[in-house]
């Protein structure tokens, strides 16, 4: 299968290596933002460097992997689908919920794969959560916090409103991990704050969101990064009527009335390779994928409600 790649960053490199190592695919060409970086990438991964997505689409590729900045996803995906090309795209599919929904409908009408990557579901943390969730009884509260101090903050696309998007849309896995585990959401209340010395990039952001699930569960998501953050945190807490699950980075414990039991958490390595392999297994053998575009779209709907809540200062029903 002839494959084209859009992007030259970290995820794109892992995708390219996975494609080179799979006998079922030929990495044909890559398109990036800057000619020098694109040429170097193409040399490293033995493919052509092209100057536009249009050229890539016209190069008879059968699968397009989209690994560029968040704001560029939707236009590239649309162009590929309209040209009858299968698509793999890193989350989020789009920074606009209505546009993402349109793209999913377009893929269905074209009978083409539209796979939105959510490797957080494949990682050791999520697998451990699923394995031990029943042990804590009825869950009533969940908190997921990722805080990344960076001083000085980088002047890069992940610190740009336009390129990254609203924090919980740009970092959609934070919401998707909860909707995957706990299902339907009833309402969302979100507060955000940004610190910026210039228009193009901000230096810090802090975003906290309460998610009320239809089951009665209350979820809280904290996403923060930049120069006004002082201690790194990557923590997932699950509080149930019979016990709790606490994960700090890659270390987890199950707590109940009698004891605290360590939980082994699997590695985060190799997840892009695993995702790529599963996509090819689906395309070649019909093996079911681990996530659907509709599931990603629902998480995007919840994240969009958080954006609206933060902007309007009120709770938004989903």
C-alpha atoms as a PDB file:
ATOM      1  CA  UNK A   1       0.000   0.000   0.000  1.00  0.00           C
ATOM      2  CA  UNK A   2       1.363   3.398  -1.045  1.00  0.00           C
ATOM      3  CA  UNK A   3       1.368   5.807   1.911  1.00  0.00           C
ATOM      4  CA  UNK A   4       1.847   9.555   2.118  1.00  0.00           C
ATOM      5  CA  UNK A   5       2.743  11.469   5.268  1.00  0.00           C
ATOM      6  CA  UNK A   6       1.941  15.048   6.303  1.00  0.00           C
ATOM      7  CA  UNK A   7       4.194  16.382   9.050  1.00  0.00           C
ATOM      8  CA  UNK A   8       7.836  16.034  10.134  1.00  0.00           C
ATOM      9  CA  UNK A   9       7.576  16.211  13.928  1.00  0.00           C
ATOM     10  CA  UNK A  10       7.834  13.625  16.687  1.00  0.00           C
ATOM     11  CA  UNK A  11       4.668  11.678  15.820  1.00  0.00           C
ATOM     12  CA  UNK A  12       5.462  11.780  12.095  1.00  0.00           C
ATOM     13  CA  UNK A  13       8.893  10.240  12.700  1.00  0.00           C
ATOM     14  CA  UNK A  14       7.398   7.372  14.700  1.00  0.00           C
ATOM     15  CA  UNK A  15       4.788   6.817  11.987  1.00  0.00           C
ATOM     16  CA  UNK A  16       7.434   6.832   9.256  1.00  0.00           C
ATOM     17  CA  UNK A  17       9.569   4.276  11.080  1.00  0.00           C
ATOM     18  CA  UNK A  18       6.552   2.031  11.620  1.00  0.00           C
ATOM     19  CA  UNK A  19       5.654   2.225   7.925  1.00  0.00           C
ATOM     20  CA  UNK A  20       9.220   1.447   6.851  1.00  0.00           C
ATOM     21  CA  UNK A  21       9.282  -1.599   9.104  1.00  0.00           C
ATOM     22  CA  UNK A  22       6.015  -3.046   7.772  1.00  0.00           C
ATOM     23  CA  UNK A  23       6.302  -5.042   4.552  1.00  0.00           C
ATOM     24  CA  UNK A  24       2.718  -4.138   3.622  1.00  0.00           C
ATOM     25  CA  UNK A  25       3.482  -0.449   3.068  1.00  0.00           C
ATOM     26  CA  UNK A  26       5.665   1.809   0.970  1.00  0.00           C
ATOM     27  CA  UNK A  27       6.240   5.305   2.334  1.00  0.00           C
ATOM     28  CA  UNK A  28       6.092   7.302  -0.882  1.00  0.00           C
ATOM     29  CA  UNK A  29       6.458  10.959   0.114  1.00  0.00           C
ATOM     30  CA  UNK A  30       6.264  13.511   2.896  1.00  0.00           C
ATOM     31  CA  UNK A  31       5.046  17.120   3.094  1.00  0.00           C
ATOM     32  CA  UNK A  32       6.248  19.439   5.868  1.00  0.00           C
ATOM     33  CA  UNK A  33       6.213  23.113   6.836  1.00  0.00           C
ATOM     34  CA  UNK A  34       9.797  24.005   5.903  1.00  0.00           C
ATOM     35  CA  UNK A  35      11.749  22.765   2.850  1.00  0.00           C
ATOM     36  CA  UNK A  36      14.963  22.049   4.778  1.00  0.00           C
ATOM     37  CA  UNK A  37      13.287  19.961   7.489  1.00  0.00           C
ATOM     38  CA  UNK A  38      11.162  18.149   4.910  1.00  0.00           C
ATOM     39  CA  UNK A  39      14.199  17.305   2.784  1.00  0.00           C
ATOM     40  CA  UNK A  40      16.093  15.990   5.826  1.00  0.00           C
ATOM     41  CA  UNK A  41      13.088  13.927   6.896  1.00  0.00           C
ATOM     42  CA  UNK A  42      12.692  12.469   3.401  1.00  0.00           C
ATOM     43  CA  UNK A  43      16.365  11.498   3.339  1.00  0.00           C
ATOM     44  CA  UNK A  44      16.155   9.822   6.750  1.00  0.00           C
ATOM     45  CA  UNK A  45      13.063   7.823   5.834  1.00  0.00           C
ATOM     46  CA  UNK A  46      13.848   7.057   2.180  1.00  0.00           C
ATOM     47  CA  UNK A  47      10.947   8.885   0.530  1.00  0.00           C
ATOM     48  CA  UNK A  48      10.281  11.947  -1.639  1.00  0.00           C
ATOM     49  CA  UNK A  49       9.959  15.460  -0.241  1.00  0.00           C
ATOM     50  CA  UNK A  50       6.989  17.299  -1.761  1.00  0.00           C
ATOM     51  CA  UNK A  51       5.988  20.917  -1.323  1.00  0.00           C
ATOM     52  CA  UNK A  52       2.194  20.601  -0.992  1.00  0.00           C
ATOM     53  CA  UNK A  53      -0.538  18.261   0.154  1.00  0.00           C
ATOM     54  CA  UNK A  54      -2.075  18.546  -3.306  1.00  0.00           C
ATOM     55  CA  UNK A  55       1.086  17.029  -4.821  1.00  0.00           C
ATOM     56  CA  UNK A  56       0.956  14.242  -2.270  1.00  0.00           C
ATOM     57  CA  UNK A  57      -2.679  13.444  -3.044  1.00  0.00           C
ATOM     58  CA  UNK A  58      -1.923  13.383  -6.769  1.00  0.00           C
ATOM     59  CA  UNK A  59       0.932  10.893  -6.232  1.00  0.00           C
ATOM     60  CA  UNK A  60      -1.414   7.874  -6.227  1.00  0.00           C
ATOM     61  CA  UNK A  61      -1.192   7.270  -2.498  1.00  0.00           C
ATOM     62  CA  UNK A  62      -3.788   4.920  -1.033  1.00  0.00           C
ATOM     63  CA  UNK A  63      -3.376   5.954   2.600  1.00  0.00           C
ATOM     64  CA  UNK A  64      -2.568   9.389   4.009  1.00  0.00           C
ATOM     65  CA  UNK A  65      -1.199   9.801   7.541  1.00  0.00           C
ATOM     66  CA  UNK A  66      -1.809  13.291   8.956  1.00  0.00           C
ATOM     67  CA  UNK A  67       0.641  14.327  11.693  1.00  0.00           C
ATOM     68  CA  UNK A  68       0.871  18.099  11.282  1.00  0.00           C
ATOM     69  CA  UNK A  69      -0.311  20.834  13.678  1.00  0.00           C
ATOM     70  CA  UNK A  70      -3.871  20.589  15.014  1.00  0.00           C
ATOM     71  CA  UNK A  71      -5.264  23.478  12.980  1.00  0.00           C
ATOM     72  CA  UNK A  72      -4.129  21.829   9.737  1.00  0.00           C
ATOM     73  CA  UNK A  73      -5.812  18.464  10.250  1.00  0.00           C
ATOM     74  CA  UNK A  74      -9.283  19.065   8.856  1.00  0.00           C
ATOM     75  CA  UNK A  75      -8.331  20.566   5.470  1.00  0.00           C
ATOM     76  CA  UNK A  76      -5.835  17.786   4.756  1.00  0.00           C
ATOM     77  CA  UNK A  77      -8.308  15.091   5.801  1.00  0.00           C
ATOM     78  CA  UNK A  78     -11.034  16.576   3.617  1.00  0.00           C
ATOM     79  CA  UNK A  79      -8.763  16.736   0.570  1.00  0.00           C
ATOM     80  CA  UNK A  80      -7.691  13.130   1.009  1.00  0.00           C
ATOM     81  CA  UNK A  81     -11.205  11.790   1.490  1.00  0.00           C
ATOM     82  CA  UNK A  82     -12.493  13.701  -1.520  1.00  0.00           C
ATOM     83  CA  UNK A  83      -9.729  12.003  -3.525  1.00  0.00           C
ATOM     84  CA  UNK A  84     -10.877   8.571  -2.238  1.00  0.00           C
ATOM     85  CA  UNK A  85      -7.857   8.020   0.004  1.00  0.00           C
ATOM     86  CA  UNK A  86      -7.939   6.295   3.405  1.00  0.00           C
ATOM     87  CA  UNK A  87      -6.890   8.585   6.266  1.00  0.00           C
ATOM     88  CA  UNK A  88      -5.158   8.241   9.625  1.00  0.00           C
ATOM     89  CA  UNK A  89      -5.054  11.489  11.612  1.00  0.00           C
ATOM     90  CA  UNK A  90      -3.683  12.352  15.049  1.00  0.00           C
ATOM     91  CA  UNK A  91      -6.323  13.761  17.401  1.00  0.00           C
ATOM     92  CA  UNK A  92      -8.163  16.081  17.175  1.00  0.00           C
ATOM     93  CA  UNK A  93      -9.811  15.436  13.817  1.00  0.00           C
ATOM     94  CA  UNK A  94     -10.723  19.142  13.688  1.00  0.00           C
ATOM     95  CA  UNK A  95     -10.829  22.139  16.002  1.00  0.00           C
ATOM     96  CA  UNK A  96     -14.505  22.642  15.106  1.00  0.00           C
ATOM     97  CA  UNK A  97     -17.074  20.036  16.142  1.00  0.00           C
ATOM     98  CA  UNK A  98     -19.384  20.589  13.152  1.00  0.00           C
ATOM     99  CA  UNK A  99     -16.481  20.252  10.729  1.00  0.00           C
ATOM    100  CA  UNK A 100     -15.324  17.026  12.376  1.00  0.00           C
ATOM    101  CA  UNK A 101     -18.829  15.623  12.075  1.00  0.00           C
ATOM    102  CA  UNK A 102     -18.915  16.516   8.370  1.00  0.00           C
ATOM    103  CA  UNK A 103     -15.618  14.730   7.778  1.00  0.00           C
ATOM    104  CA  UNK A 104     -16.882  11.535   9.396  1.00  0.00           C
ATOM    105  CA  UNK A 105     -19.965  11.634   7.184  1.00  0.00           C
ATOM    106  CA  UNK A 106     -17.761  12.247   4.135  1.00  0.00           C
ATOM    107  CA  UNK A 107     -15.632   9.194   4.964  1.00  0.00           C
ATOM    108  CA  UNK A 108     -18.772   7.065   5.230  1.00  0.00           C
ATOM    109  CA  UNK A 109     -20.105   8.325   1.912  1.00  0.00           C
ATOM    110  CA  UNK A 110     -16.774   7.515   0.262  1.00  0.00           C
ATOM    111  CA  UNK A 111     -16.511   4.133   2.042  1.00  0.00           C
ATOM    112  CA  UNK A 112     -13.011   5.068   3.221  1.00  0.00           C
ATOM    113  CA  UNK A 113     -11.291   4.596   6.551  1.00  0.00           C
ATOM    114  CA  UNK A 114     -11.059   7.672   8.739  1.00  0.00           C
ATOM    115  CA  UNK A 115      -9.090   6.645  11.817  1.00  0.00           C
ATOM    116  CA  UNK A 116      -8.498   9.224  14.548  1.00  0.00           C
ATOM    117  CA  UNK A 117      -5.511   8.134  16.648  1.00  0.00           C
ATOM    118  CA  UNK A 118      -6.092   7.802  20.393  1.00  0.00           C
ATOM    119  CA  UNK A 119      -3.037   5.953  21.631  1.00  0.00           C
ATOM    120  CA  UNK A 120      -3.892   6.861  25.230  1.00  0.00           C
ATOM    121  CA  UNK A 121      -6.317   3.917  25.088  1.00  0.00           C
ATOM    122  CA  UNK A 122      -3.472   1.536  24.190  1.00  0.00           C
ATOM    123  CA  UNK A 123      -1.087   2.620  26.943  1.00  0.00           C
ATOM    124  CA  UNK A 124      -0.346   0.898  30.215  1.00  0.00           C
ATOM    125  CA  UNK A 125      -2.216   3.441  32.365  1.00  0.00           C
ATOM    126  CA  UNK A 126      -5.517   3.039  30.538  1.00  0.00           C
ATOM    127  CA  UNK A 127      -5.222  -0.721  30.363  1.00  0.00           C
ATOM    128  CA  UNK A 128      -4.550  -0.870  34.116  1.00  0.00           C
ATOM    129  CA  UNK A 129      -7.520   1.403  34.783  1.00  0.00           C
ATOM    130  CA  UNK A 130      -9.837  -0.875  32.806  1.00  0.00           C
ATOM    131  CA  UNK A 131      -8.450  -3.990  34.456  1.00  0.00           C
ATOM    132  CA  UNK A 132      -8.942  -2.757  38.032  1.00  0.00           C
ATOM    133  CA  UNK A 133     -11.985  -0.474  37.725  1.00  0.00           C
ATOM    134  CA  UNK A 134     -14.548  -3.032  38.921  1.00  0.00           C
ATOM    135  CA  UNK A 135     -12.581  -3.546  42.148  1.00  0.00           C
ATOM    136  CA  UNK A 136     -13.457  -0.108  43.570  1.00  0.00           C
ATOM    137  CA  UNK A 137     -17.226  -0.496  43.334  1.00  0.00           C
ATOM    138  CA  UNK A 138     -19.474   2.291  42.099  1.00  0.00           C
ATOM    139  CA  UNK A 139     -17.281   5.208  41.023  1.00  0.00           C
ATOM    140  CA  UNK A 140     -18.449   8.650  42.182  1.00  0.00           C
ATOM    141  CA  UNK A 141     -15.441  10.911  41.478  1.00  0.00           C
ATOM    142  CA  UNK A 142     -12.551  10.944  39.014  1.00  0.00           C
ATOM    143  CA  UNK A 143      -9.747  13.485  38.689  1.00  0.00           C
ATOM    144  CA  UNK A 144      -7.246  13.617  35.829  1.00  0.00           C
ATOM    145  CA  UNK A 145      -4.512  16.233  36.069  1.00  0.00           C
ATOM    146  CA  UNK A 146      -1.610  16.960  33.741  1.00  0.00           C
ATOM    147  CA  UNK A 147       0.546  19.949  34.678  1.00  0.00           C
ATOM    148  CA  UNK A 148       3.756  20.745  32.809  1.00  0.00           C
ATOM    149  CA  UNK A 149       5.963  23.611  34.033  1.00  0.00           C
ATOM    150  CA  UNK A 150       8.082  25.128  31.237  1.00  0.00           C
ATOM    151  CA  UNK A 151      10.180  28.212  31.917  1.00  0.00           C
ATOM    152  CA  UNK A 152      10.825  29.723  29.520  1.00  0.00           C
ATOM    153  CA  UNK A 153       7.825  28.467  27.585  1.00  0.00           C
ATOM    154  CA  UNK A 154       8.674  27.505  23.997  1.00  0.00           C
ATOM    155  CA  UNK A 155       7.449  29.673  21.139  1.00  0.00           C
ATOM    156  CA  UNK A 156       5.833  26.776  19.337  1.00  0.00           C
ATOM    157  CA  UNK A 157       2.459  25.728  17.981  1.00  0.00           C
ATOM    158  CA  UNK A 158       1.387  23.998  21.208  1.00  0.00           C
ATOM    159  CA  UNK A 159       1.329  27.463  22.828  1.00  0.00           C
ATOM    160  CA  UNK A 160      -0.792  29.047  20.101  1.00  0.00           C
ATOM    161  CA  UNK A 161      -4.566  29.573  20.317  1.00  0.00           C
ATOM    162  CA  UNK A 162      -4.885  29.343  16.549  1.00  0.00           C
ATOM    163  CA  UNK A 163      -2.645  26.332  15.937  1.00  0.00           C
ATOM    164  CA  UNK A 164      -3.276  24.198  19.039  1.00  0.00           C
ATOM    165  CA  UNK A 165      -6.898  25.151  19.700  1.00  0.00           C
ATOM    166  CA  UNK A 166      -8.794  25.327  22.972  1.00  0.00           C
ATOM    167  CA  UNK A 167      -6.721  23.305  25.488  1.00  0.00           C
ATOM    168  CA  UNK A 168      -9.137  20.405  25.962  1.00  0.00           C
ATOM    169  CA  UNK A 169      -9.732  20.156  22.210  1.00  0.00           C
ATOM    170  CA  UNK A 170      -6.037  20.307  21.359  1.00  0.00           C
ATOM    171  CA  UNK A 171      -5.271  17.830  24.164  1.00  0.00           C
ATOM    172  CA  UNK A 172      -8.385  15.768  23.468  1.00  0.00           C
ATOM    173  CA  UNK A 173      -7.038  12.592  25.078  1.00  0.00           C
ATOM    174  CA  UNK A 174      -7.682  14.136  28.514  1.00  0.00           C
ATOM    175  CA  UNK A 175     -11.415  14.130  27.840  1.00  0.00           C
ATOM    176  CA  UNK A 176     -11.500  11.003  25.704  1.00  0.00           C
ATOM    177  CA  UNK A 177      -9.911   8.851  28.395  1.00  0.00           C
ATOM    178  CA  UNK A 178     -12.875   9.708  30.681  1.00  0.00           C
ATOM    179  CA  UNK A 179     -15.639   9.294  28.083  1.00  0.00           C
ATOM    180  CA  UNK A 180     -14.138   5.955  27.045  1.00  0.00           C
ATOM    181  CA  UNK A 181     -14.256   4.690  30.635  1.00  0.00           C
ATOM    182  CA  UNK A 182     -17.411   6.326  31.969  1.00  0.00           C
ATOM    183  CA  UNK A 183     -19.726   6.977  29.018  1.00  0.00           C
ATOM    184  CA  UNK A 184     -22.325   9.657  28.439  1.00  0.00           C
ATOM    185  CA  UNK A 185     -21.899  13.212  29.703  1.00  0.00           C
ATOM    186  CA  UNK A 186     -24.762  15.367  30.919  1.00  0.00           C
ATOM    187  CA  UNK A 187     -23.133  18.778  31.492  1.00  0.00           C
ATOM    188  CA  UNK A 188     -19.780  20.562  31.592  1.00  0.00           C
ATOM    189  CA  UNK A 189     -18.468  23.549  33.552  1.00  0.00           C
ATOM    190  CA  UNK A 190     -15.053  24.938  32.630  1.00  0.00           C
ATOM    191  CA  UNK A 191     -12.746  27.772  33.670  1.00  0.00           C
ATOM    192  CA  UNK A 192      -9.616  28.857  31.816  1.00  0.00           C
ATOM    193  CA  UNK A 193      -6.845  31.421  32.125  1.00  0.00           C
ATOM    194  CA  UNK A 194      -3.973  32.364  29.820  1.00  0.00           C
ATOM    195  CA  UNK A 195      -0.862  34.472  30.404  1.00  0.00           C
ATOM    196  CA  UNK A 196       0.566  36.133  27.279  1.00  0.00           C
ATOM    197  CA  UNK A 197       3.126  38.812  26.444  1.00  0.00           C
ATOM    198  CA  UNK A 198       2.419  38.715  22.714  1.00  0.00           C
ATOM    199  CA  UNK A 199      -0.467  37.984  20.378  1.00  0.00           C
ATOM    200  CA  UNK A 200       0.890  34.945  18.573  1.00  0.00           C
ATOM    201  CA  UNK A 201       1.977  32.773  21.516  1.00  0.00           C
ATOM    202  CA  UNK A 202       0.995  32.563  25.172  1.00  0.00           C
ATOM    203  CA  UNK A 203       3.414  31.669  27.945  1.00  0.00           C
ATOM    204  CA  UNK A 204       1.043  29.756  30.247  1.00  0.00           C
ATOM    205  CA  UNK A 205      -2.413  28.279  30.369  1.00  0.00           C
ATOM    206  CA  UNK A 206      -4.551  26.813  33.139  1.00  0.00           C
ATOM    207  CA  UNK A 207      -7.791  24.993  32.386  1.00  0.00           C
ATOM    208  CA  UNK A 208      -9.998  23.140  34.870  1.00  0.00           C
ATOM    209  CA  UNK A 209     -13.233  21.404  33.917  1.00  0.00           C
ATOM    210  CA  UNK A 210     -15.959  19.592  35.819  1.00  0.00           C
ATOM    211  CA  UNK A 211     -17.725  16.907  33.793  1.00  0.00           C
ATOM    212  CA  UNK A 212     -21.067  15.614  35.063  1.00  0.00           C
ATOM    213  CA  UNK A 213     -21.743  12.145  33.696  1.00  0.00           C
ATOM    214  CA  UNK A 214     -25.238  10.755  33.188  1.00  0.00           C
ATOM    215  CA  UNK A 215     -24.403   8.012  35.709  1.00  0.00           C
ATOM    216  CA  UNK A 216     -24.010  10.598  38.467  1.00  0.00           C
ATOM    217  CA  UNK A 217     -20.216  10.413  38.388  1.00  0.00           C
ATOM    218  CA  UNK A 218     -18.369  13.715  38.727  1.00  0.00           C
ATOM    219  CA  UNK A 219     -15.173  14.035  36.693  1.00  0.00           C
ATOM    220  CA  UNK A 220     -12.559  16.765  36.925  1.00  0.00           C
ATOM    221  CA  UNK A 221      -9.896  17.453  34.307  1.00  0.00           C
ATOM    222  CA  UNK A 222      -6.981  19.824  34.925  1.00  0.00           C
ATOM    223  CA  UNK A 223      -4.708  20.773  32.026  1.00  0.00           C
ATOM    224  CA  UNK A 224      -1.976  23.342  32.616  1.00  0.00           C
ATOM    225  CA  UNK A 225       1.411  24.224  31.184  1.00  0.00           C
ATOM    226  CA  UNK A 226       3.956  26.992  30.981  1.00  0.00           C
ATOM    227  CA  UNK A 227       5.781  29.565  33.046  1.00  0.00           C
ATOM    228  CA  UNK A 228       3.254  30.044  35.871  1.00  0.00           C
ATOM    229  CA  UNK A 229       3.172  26.325  36.735  1.00  0.00           C
ATOM    230  CA  UNK A 230       5.589  25.282  39.479  1.00  0.00           C
ATOM    231  CA  UNK A 231       5.305  21.526  39.964  1.00  0.00           C
ATOM    232  CA  UNK A 232       4.817  18.846  37.330  1.00  0.00           C
ATOM    233  CA  UNK A 233       1.900  16.480  37.803  1.00  0.00           C
ATOM    234  CA  UNK A 234       0.468  13.585  35.842  1.00  0.00           C
ATOM    235  CA  UNK A 235      -2.118  12.005  38.088  1.00  0.00           C
ATOM    236  CA  UNK A 236      -5.279   9.975  37.592  1.00  0.00           C
ATOM    237  CA  UNK A 237      -7.537   9.308  40.583  1.00  0.00           C
ATOM    238  CA  UNK A 238     -10.613   7.060  40.668  1.00  0.00           C
ATOM    239  CA  UNK A 239     -12.712   7.127  43.847  1.00  0.00           C
ATOM    240  CA  UNK A 240     -15.283   4.372  44.309  1.00  0.00           C
ATOM    241  CA  UNK A 241     -17.540   3.260  47.156  1.00  0.00           C
ATOM    242  CA  UNK A 242     -15.325   0.230  47.858  1.00  0.00           C
ATOM    243  CA  UNK A 243     -11.877   1.610  47.103  1.00  0.00           C
ATOM    244  CA  UNK A 244      -9.705   3.896  45.040  1.00  0.00           C
ATOM    245  CA  UNK A 245      -7.230   3.772  42.180  1.00  0.00           C
ATOM    246  CA  UNK A 246      -4.401   6.306  42.265  1.00  0.00           C
ATOM    247  CA  UNK A 247      -1.909   6.601  39.418  1.00  0.00           C
ATOM    248  CA  UNK A 248       1.038   8.989  39.681  1.00  0.00           C
ATOM    249  CA  UNK A 249       2.850   8.994  36.335  1.00  0.00           C
ATOM    250  CA  UNK A 250       3.613   5.295  35.722  1.00  0.00           C
ATOM    251  CA  UNK A 251       3.066   4.131  39.311  1.00  0.00           C
ATOM    252  CA  UNK A 252      -0.320   2.940  40.526  1.00  0.00           C
ATOM    253  CA  UNK A 253      -1.984   1.621  43.684  1.00  0.00           C
ATOM    254  CA  UNK A 254      -5.331   0.032  44.521  1.00  0.00           C
ATOM    255  CA  UNK A 255      -6.564   1.168  47.948  1.00  0.00           C
ATOM    256  CA  UNK A 256      -9.372  -0.473  49.922  1.00  0.00           C
ATOM    257  CA  UNK A 257     -10.350  -0.719  53.584  1.00  0.00           C
ATOM    258  CA  UNK A 258      -7.815  -3.474  54.281  1.00  0.00           C
ATOM    259  CA  UNK A 259      -4.691  -2.704  52.294  1.00  0.00           C
ATOM    260  CA  UNK A 260      -2.866  -0.769  49.582  1.00  0.00           C
ATOM    261  CA  UNK A 261      -1.783  -2.896  46.632  1.00  0.00           C
ATOM    262  CA  UNK A 262       0.776  -1.721  44.047  1.00  0.00           C
ATOM    263  CA  UNK A 263      -0.352  -1.936  40.416  1.00  0.00           C
ATOM    264  CA  UNK A 264       2.064  -2.627  37.615  1.00  0.00           C
ATOM    265  CA  UNK A 265       1.619  -0.122  34.781  1.00  0.00           C
ATOM    266  CA  UNK A 266       2.749  -1.088  31.301  1.00  0.00           C
ATOM    267  CA  UNK A 267       5.056   0.979  29.131  1.00  0.00           C
ATOM    268  CA  UNK A 268       4.081   3.983  27.021  1.00  0.00           C
ATOM    269  CA  UNK A 269       6.629   3.004  24.390  1.00  0.00           C
ATOM    270  CA  UNK A 270       5.724   1.725  20.948  1.00  0.00           C
ATOM    271  CA  UNK A 271       2.145   2.988  20.897  1.00  0.00           C
ATOM    272  CA  UNK A 272       2.334   4.766  17.531  1.00  0.00           C
ATOM    273  CA  UNK A 273       3.748   1.573  16.039  1.00  0.00           C
ATOM    274  CA  UNK A 274       0.918  -0.422  17.596  1.00  0.00           C
ATOM    275  CA  UNK A 275      -1.677   2.032  16.278  1.00  0.00           C
ATOM    276  CA  UNK A 276      -0.165   1.924  12.777  1.00  0.00           C
ATOM    277  CA  UNK A 277      -0.063  -1.879  12.777  1.00  0.00           C
ATOM    278  CA  UNK A 278      -3.706  -2.065  13.853  1.00  0.00           C
ATOM    279  CA  UNK A 279      -4.729   0.295  11.038  1.00  0.00           C
ATOM    280  CA  UNK A 280      -2.956  -1.886   8.486  1.00  0.00           C
ATOM    281  CA  UNK A 281      -4.482  -5.032   9.999  1.00  0.00           C
ATOM    282  CA  UNK A 282      -7.889  -3.411   9.513  1.00  0.00           C
ATOM    283  CA  UNK A 283      -7.218  -2.380   5.929  1.00  0.00           C
ATOM    284  CA  UNK A 284      -5.662  -5.687   4.862  1.00  0.00           C
ATOM    285  CA  UNK A 285      -7.564  -8.195   7.019  1.00  0.00           C
ATOM    286  CA  UNK A 286     -10.659  -6.437   8.334  1.00  0.00           C
ATOM    287  CA  UNK A 287      -9.473  -6.757  11.943  1.00  0.00           C
ATOM    288  CA  UNK A 288     -11.555  -4.409  14.154  1.00  0.00           C
ATOM    289  CA  UNK A 289      -9.884  -1.210  15.346  1.00  0.00           C
ATOM    290  CA  UNK A 290      -9.624  -0.252  19.009  1.00  0.00           C
ATOM    291  CA  UNK A 291     -11.496   3.061  18.612  1.00  0.00           C
ATOM    292  CA  UNK A 292     -13.996   4.609  16.187  1.00  0.00           C
ATOM    293  CA  UNK A 293     -14.086   8.097  14.731  1.00  0.00           C
ATOM    294  CA  UNK A 294     -17.510   8.521  16.338  1.00  0.00           C
ATOM    295  CA  UNK A 295     -16.026   7.935  19.799  1.00  0.00           C
ATOM    296  CA  UNK A 296     -13.416  10.615  19.143  1.00  0.00           C
ATOM    297  CA  UNK A 297     -16.164  12.923  17.871  1.00  0.00           C
ATOM    298  CA  UNK A 298     -18.129  12.506  21.101  1.00  0.00           C
ATOM    299  CA  UNK A 299     -15.074  13.456  23.162  1.00  0.00           C
ATOM    300  CA  UNK A 300     -14.657  16.487  20.892  1.00  0.00           C
ATOM    301  CA  UNK A 301     -18.298  17.414  21.569  1.00  0.00           C
ATOM    302  CA  UNK A 302     -17.615  17.367  25.315  1.00  0.00           C
ATOM    303  CA  UNK A 303     -14.408  19.402  24.862  1.00  0.00           C
ATOM    304  CA  UNK A 304     -16.293  21.914  22.710  1.00  0.00           C
ATOM    305  CA  UNK A 305     -18.892  22.245  25.464  1.00  0.00           C
ATOM    306  CA  UNK A 306     -16.017  22.992  27.864  1.00  0.00           C
ATOM    307  CA  UNK A 307     -14.776  25.708  25.501  1.00  0.00           C
ATOM    308  CA  UNK A 308     -18.246  27.246  25.341  1.00  0.00           C
ATOM    309  CA  UNK A 309     -18.615  27.060  29.121  1.00  0.00           C
ATOM    310  CA  UNK A 310     -15.287  28.829  29.674  1.00  0.00           C
ATOM    311  CA  UNK A 311     -16.180  31.573  27.219  1.00  0.00           C
ATOM    312  CA  UNK A 312     -19.729  32.139  28.510  1.00  0.00           C
ATOM    313  CA  UNK A 313     -19.037  31.562  32.205  1.00  0.00           C
ATOM    314  CA  UNK A 314     -21.886  29.088  32.619  1.00  0.00           C
ATOM    315  CA  UNK A 315     -22.588  25.358  32.701  1.00  0.00           C
ATOM    316  CA  UNK A 316     -23.257  23.842  29.283  1.00  0.00           C
ATOM    317  CA  UNK A 317     -25.471  20.810  28.706  1.00  0.00           C
ATOM    318  CA  UNK A 318     -24.030  18.248  26.304  1.00  0.00           C
END
